[in-house]
Amino acid sequence: MNSYKLTLLALLASLAVLGRYVFTFLPNVQPVTALIIICGLMLGPASAIILAMLVTFLSNMLLGMGIWAIWQLISWGLIGFVSGLLRKQLIKAPLFIIAIYAAFCGFLYGFIISLTNYQISGHFWPYYMAGLPFDTQHAIGNALFIMLFYPIFYYLFKNYKNKLFT
């Protein structure tokens, strides 16, 4: 990992934390998951996991830390890791396929976060079913943020490909 890649991770983390803070008025609509997916696709699984750790820690310092932070880290880390593993397939895919993948990741995030309630109360399915409308908002938000951010980051990262992979 070179200093250029670390700088990109810091900028992505700043953008994700700011986006999460700015969109707090919309439940579960935030650019964090989309940016972690983009990071996994462009920079690989290790970078996406680092970004997930940074965003979870920094944004929860602003918005409140709790037991859910562990599950946020697990879910965003898993999404970033899988995105990094699928990077060769998804980079070549049309934008709407990546948006569908991002929407699926919104539901996966909600499923993993629902495990928090199981950890505390022992009840999973009622909590998960009650949270499905919020997971749907997260999925739609992910798809929209991917359609907005992915072309921009793809263009920028494509121009700097030689610097990224040295």
Protein backbone atom coordinates (compact mmCIF):
# COMPACT_ATOMS: atom_id res chain seq x y z
CA MET A 1 0.00 0.00 0.00
CA ASN A 2 1.55 3.25 -1.12
CA SER A 3 0.93 6.78 0.12
CA TYR A 4 -1.21 7.60 -2.91
CA LYS A 5 -3.60 4.75 -2.11
CA LEU A 6 -3.70 5.78 1.56
CA THR A 7 -4.58 9.31 0.51
CA LEU A 8 -7.41 7.99 -1.67
CA LEU A 9 -8.71 5.93 1.26
CA ALA A 10 -8.61 8.99 3.52
CA LEU A 11 -10.54 11.03 0.95
CA LEU A 12 -13.10 8.26 0.44
CA ALA A 13 -13.49 7.94 4.22
CA SER A 14 -14.01 11.69 4.55
CA LEU A 15 -16.61 11.67 1.79
CA ALA A 16 -18.41 8.67 3.34
CA VAL A 17 -18.45 10.16 6.86
CA LEU A 18 -19.66 13.50 5.54
CA GLY A 19 -22.32 11.78 3.44
CA ARG A 20 -23.50 9.71 6.37
CA TYR A 21 -23.73 12.81 8.54
CA VAL A 22 -25.48 14.93 5.90
CA PHE A 23 -28.09 12.25 5.14
CA THR A 24 -29.01 11.49 8.77
CA PHE A 25 -32.46 13.01 8.18
CA LEU A 26 -33.27 10.16 5.72
CA PRO A 27 -33.34 6.83 7.54
CA ASN A 28 -30.91 4.31 6.04
CA VAL A 29 -30.15 6.43 2.97
CA GLN A 30 -26.42 7.10 3.01
CA PRO A 31 -23.55 6.88 0.53
CA VAL A 32 -21.34 4.75 2.79
CA THR A 33 -22.20 1.33 1.39
CA ALA A 34 -21.95 2.59 -2.20
CA LEU A 35 -18.52 4.12 -1.55
CA ILE A 36 -17.30 0.91 0.09
CA ILE A 37 -18.50 -1.05 -2.95
CA ILE A 38 -16.72 1.38 -5.27
CA CYS A 39 -13.58 1.12 -3.16
CA GLY A 40 -13.70 -2.67 -3.34
CA LEU A 41 -14.17 -2.57 -7.10
CA MET A 42 -11.45 -0.02 -7.75
CA LEU A 43 -8.87 -0.65 -5.03
CA GLY A 44 -9.45 -4.24 -3.94
CA PRO A 45 -10.76 -6.08 -0.88
CA ALA A 46 -8.09 -4.99 1.61
CA SER A 47 -8.66 -1.31 0.87
CA ALA A 48 -12.42 -1.73 1.16
CA ILE A 49 -12.06 -3.36 4.59
CA ILE A 50 -9.79 -0.53 5.73
CA LEU A 51 -12.34 1.98 4.45
CA ALA A 52 -15.13 0.15 6.29
CA MET A 53 -13.14 0.33 9.54
CA LEU A 54 -12.36 4.02 9.10
CA VAL A 55 -15.93 4.99 8.22
CA THR A 56 -17.47 2.95 11.02
CA PHE A 57 -15.19 4.39 13.67
CA LEU A 58 -15.18 8.00 12.48
CA SER A 59 -18.88 8.32 11.67
CA ASN A 60 -19.92 6.68 14.92
CA MET A 61 -17.78 9.18 16.80
CA LEU A 62 -20.12 11.84 15.38
CA LEU A 63 -23.40 9.93 15.47
CA GLY A 64 -22.98 7.72 18.53
CA MET A 65 -21.09 4.56 19.34
CA GLY A 66 -22.80 1.39 20.51
CA ILE A 67 -22.93 -2.38 20.13
CA TRP A 68 -24.19 -1.87 16.56
CA ALA A 69 -20.77 -0.50 15.57
CA ILE A 70 -19.34 -4.03 15.65
CA TRP A 71 -22.07 -5.27 13.33
CA GLN A 72 -21.70 -2.24 11.05
CA LEU A 73 -18.01 -3.01 10.76
CA ILE A 74 -18.73 -6.67 10.03
CA SER A 75 -21.39 -5.90 7.42
CA TRP A 76 -19.53 -3.09 5.64
CA GLY A 77 -16.29 -5.07 5.80
CA LEU A 78 -17.98 -8.12 4.30
CA ILE A 79 -19.58 -6.03 1.54
CA GLY A 80 -16.22 -4.44 0.73
CA PHE A 81 -14.44 -7.78 0.78
CA VAL A 82 -16.97 -9.42 -1.56
CA SER A 83 -16.93 -6.37 -3.84
CA GLY A 84 -13.16 -6.63 -4.03
CA LEU A 85 -13.37 -10.32 -4.87
CA LEU A 86 -15.94 -9.64 -7.61
CA ARG A 87 -14.05 -6.67 -9.04
CA LYS A 88 -12.94 -8.37 -12.27
CA GLN A 89 -16.50 -9.42 -13.07
CA LEU A 90 -18.27 -6.24 -11.96
CA ILE A 91 -15.83 -3.77 -13.52
CA LYS A 92 -16.85 -5.07 -16.95
CA ALA A 93 -20.56 -5.16 -16.09
CA PRO A 94 -23.04 -2.47 -17.16
CA LEU A 95 -23.91 0.17 -14.58
CA PHE A 96 -27.40 -1.23 -13.89
CA ILE A 97 -25.88 -4.61 -12.86
CA ILE A 98 -23.61 -2.84 -10.38
CA ALA A 99 -26.64 -0.88 -9.12
CA ILE A 100 -28.57 -4.14 -8.62
CA TYR A 101 -25.59 -5.55 -6.74
CA ALA A 102 -25.52 -2.41 -4.58
CA ALA A 103 -29.23 -2.81 -3.84
CA PHE A 104 -28.64 -6.42 -2.81
CA CYS A 105 -25.86 -5.21 -0.51
CA GLY A 106 -28.37 -2.89 1.17
CA PHE A 107 -30.51 -5.91 2.10
CA LEU A 108 -27.42 -7.87 3.16
CA TYR A 109 -26.36 -4.99 5.41
CA GLY A 110 -29.81 -4.94 7.05
CA PHE A 111 -29.73 -8.70 7.57
CA ILE A 112 -26.36 -8.56 9.32
CA ILE A 113 -27.33 -5.52 11.40
CA SER A 114 -30.46 -7.37 12.55
CA LEU A 115 -28.17 -9.87 14.22
CA THR A 116 -27.53 -7.12 16.79
CA ASN A 117 -31.04 -7.57 18.14
CA TYR A 118 -30.58 -11.32 18.24
CA GLN A 119 -27.43 -10.79 20.26
CA ILE A 120 -29.34 -8.66 22.77
CA SER A 121 -32.83 -10.16 22.95
CA GLY A 122 -32.63 -13.52 21.21
CA HIS A 123 -35.29 -12.53 18.64
CA PHE A 124 -34.19 -12.14 15.04
CA TRP A 125 -37.04 -12.58 12.56
CA PRO A 126 -39.55 -10.08 14.04
CA TYR A 127 -36.85 -7.43 14.19
CA TYR A 128 -35.64 -8.21 10.68
CA MET A 129 -39.15 -8.15 9.21
CA ALA A 130 -39.91 -4.83 10.92
CA GLY A 131 -36.72 -3.39 9.45
CA LEU A 132 -37.41 -4.43 5.84
CA PRO A 133 -38.86 -1.03 4.85
CA PHE A 134 -35.64 0.61 6.08
CA ASP A 135 -33.55 -2.00 4.28
CA THR A 136 -35.50 -1.21 1.12
CA GLN A 137 -34.68 2.48 1.53
CA HIS A 138 -31.03 1.53 2.01
CA ALA A 139 -31.10 -0.64 -1.12
CA ILE A 140 -32.69 2.10 -3.24
CA GLY A 141 -30.24 4.67 -1.85
CA ASN A 142 -27.30 2.39 -2.66
CA ALA A 143 -28.47 1.95 -6.25
CA LEU A 144 -28.91 5.71 -6.67
CA PHE A 145 -25.54 6.55 -5.12
CA ILE A 146 -23.83 3.93 -7.29
CA MET A 147 -25.42 5.39 -10.41
CA LEU A 148 -24.27 8.85 -9.31
CA PHE A 149 -20.76 8.10 -8.01
CA TYR A 150 -19.56 5.07 -9.96
CA PRO A 151 -19.09 6.75 -13.36
CA ILE A 152 -17.20 9.63 -11.74
CA PHE A 153 -14.88 7.41 -9.70
CA TYR A 154 -14.40 4.99 -12.59
CA TYR A 155 -13.26 7.87 -14.78
CA LEU A 156 -10.96 9.30 -12.11
CA PHE A 157 -9.46 5.96 -11.10
CA LYS A 158 -9.01 4.89 -14.72
CA ASN A 159 -6.93 8.01 -15.37
CA TYR A 160 -4.72 7.31 -12.35
CA LYS A 161 -4.50 3.53 -12.75
CA ASN A 162 -0.72 3.53 -13.01
CA LYS A 163 -0.35 5.39 -9.71
CA LEU A 164 -2.82 3.12 -7.91
CA PHE A 165 -1.31 -0.22 -8.76
CA THR A 166 2.41 0.50 -8.26
